[in-house]
Protein backbone atom coordinates (compact mmCIF):
# COMPACT_ATOMS: atom_id res chain seq x y z
CA MET A 1 13.17 7.70 2.28
CA LEU A 2 12.56 11.41 0.95
CA TYR A 3 9.76 11.81 3.37
CA TRP A 4 11.39 10.11 6.41
CA PRO A 5 12.91 13.58 7.70
CA ILE A 6 9.74 15.49 7.18
CA ASN A 7 7.60 12.79 9.21
CA PRO A 8 8.34 9.24 9.45
CA LEU A 9 4.11 8.59 9.51
CA ILE A 10 4.66 9.79 5.69
CA TYR A 11 7.15 7.08 4.82
CA GLN A 12 5.37 4.46 6.69
CA GLY A 13 2.16 5.36 4.81
CA ALA A 14 3.54 5.21 1.72
CA ALA A 15 5.17 2.03 2.33
CA LEU A 16 1.86 0.51 3.41
CA ILE A 17 0.33 1.82 0.08
CA LEU A 18 2.92 0.21 -1.85
CA ALA A 19 3.22 -3.19 -0.02
CA LEU A 20 -0.40 -3.52 1.17
CA SER A 21 -2.60 -2.03 -1.36
CA ASP A 22 -0.45 -2.97 -4.41
CA GLY A 23 0.37 -6.46 -3.25
CA LEU A 24 -3.40 -7.21 -2.53
CA ALA A 25 -4.56 -5.70 -5.83
CA GLY A 26 -2.26 -7.81 -7.68
CA LEU A 27 -3.17 -10.98 -5.50
CA ILE A 28 -6.69 -10.50 -5.66
CA GLY A 29 -6.85 -9.59 -9.42
CA GLN A 30 -4.75 -12.73 -10.18
CA GLN A 31 -6.88 -15.16 -8.53
CA PHE A 32 -10.33 -13.48 -8.92
CA GLY A 33 -9.99 -10.92 -11.74
CA ARG A 34 -12.91 -11.53 -14.19
CA TRP A 35 -12.85 -8.12 -15.99
CA SER A 36 -9.52 -7.42 -17.56
CA TYR A 37 -8.29 -4.00 -19.15
CA TYR A 38 -4.63 -3.17 -20.80
CA ILE A 39 -3.07 0.20 -20.80
CA THR A 40 0.76 -0.72 -20.26
CA GLY A 41 -0.12 -4.17 -19.41
CA HIS A 42 -2.72 -6.69 -17.88
CA LYS A 43 -4.87 -5.43 -15.01
CA THR A 44 -8.09 -6.17 -13.53
CA ALA A 45 -11.08 -4.06 -12.27
CA GLU A 46 -11.13 -6.31 -9.16
CA GLY A 47 -7.50 -5.75 -8.37
CA SER A 48 -8.09 -1.71 -8.88
CA PHE A 49 -11.28 -1.99 -6.70
CA VAL A 50 -8.79 -3.64 -4.04
CA PHE A 51 -6.27 -0.97 -4.36
CA PHE A 52 -8.80 1.63 -4.16
CA SER A 53 -10.35 0.27 -1.15
CA ALA A 54 -6.95 -0.28 0.90
CA THR A 55 -5.61 3.07 0.03
CA PHE A 56 -8.55 4.73 1.20
CA LEU A 57 -8.64 2.84 4.34
CA ILE A 58 -4.85 3.59 4.63
CA LEU A 59 -5.36 7.46 4.16
CA SER A 60 -8.16 7.40 6.37
CA GLY A 61 -6.45 5.90 9.17
CA LEU A 62 -3.23 8.00 8.72
CA ARG A 63 -5.51 11.09 9.03
CA PHE A 64 -7.36 9.76 12.00
CA TYR A 65 -4.26 8.83 13.59
CA ASN A 66 -2.60 12.08 13.31
CA GLN A 67 -5.68 13.63 14.98
CA ASN A 68 -6.62 16.13 12.11
CA PRO A 69 -10.45 16.87 11.68
CA PHE A 70 -12.55 14.34 9.71
CA GLY A 71 -15.38 16.29 7.97
CA LEU A 72 -16.73 16.26 4.41
CA SER A 73 -13.89 17.89 2.86
CA ALA A 74 -11.50 15.54 4.19
CA LEU A 75 -13.45 12.58 3.02
CA VAL A 76 -13.84 14.32 -0.44
CA SER A 77 -10.04 14.89 -0.42
CA ILE A 78 -9.22 11.33 0.44
CA THR A 79 -11.49 9.85 -2.18
CA VAL A 80 -10.20 12.08 -4.86
CA THR A 81 -6.59 11.33 -3.86
CA THR A 82 -7.14 7.63 -3.70
CA LEU A 83 -8.90 7.95 -7.03
CA LEU A 84 -5.68 9.41 -8.54
CA LEU A 85 -3.50 6.88 -7.09
CA THR A 86 -5.70 4.09 -8.25
CA LEU A 87 -5.48 5.73 -11.64
CA VAL A 88 -1.66 5.67 -11.62
CA GLU A 89 -1.53 2.02 -10.38
CA GLY A 90 -3.96 0.98 -13.17
CA SER A 91 -2.16 2.60 -15.94
CA LEU A 92 1.39 1.33 -15.29
CA SER A 93 2.37 -2.36 -14.84
CA LYS A 94 5.25 -4.75 -14.70
CA GLY A 95 6.89 -3.01 -11.69
CA TRP A 96 6.67 0.44 -13.37
CA ASP A 97 3.92 1.62 -10.86
CA ASN A 98 6.15 1.20 -7.68
CA LEU A 99 8.41 4.36 -7.65
CA PRO A 100 5.13 6.73 -8.88
CA ILE A 101 2.82 5.09 -6.32
CA SER A 102 5.20 5.62 -3.62
CA LEU A 103 6.28 9.07 -4.32
CA LEU A 104 2.62 10.20 -5.18
CA GLY A 105 1.41 8.15 -1.80
CA GLY A 106 3.74 9.91 0.20
CA LEU A 107 3.08 13.51 -1.43
CA ALA A 108 -0.55 12.80 -0.65
CA ILE A 109 -0.09 11.82 2.84
CA LEU A 110 1.93 14.88 3.32
CA LEU A 111 -1.22 16.95 1.97
CA LEU A 112 -3.84 15.06 3.91
CA ILE A 113 -2.24 15.01 7.34
């Protein structure tokens, strides 16, 4: 809700990252996860890959929707941002990742659009 007064698109994008990326990562990780890792809890490489992919698509779509130029520098920025969000999601578990993902996702969208 912090980002709503700035731009509702930022709030919507952060909510999409939390709901879609994090939700899909959990579902796919539980169903198809073979390679596990533990930092603060059980995570899977497959779930992290799904989180990365979904978040990359969301950030790319928001940048495209906002009609910003989409060149090599934008692609690198989106990839690095997505990687950082994936590292945060992968390092926190049991719901502790929800607030940081929302806040950092909104900040990333603010900077990217």
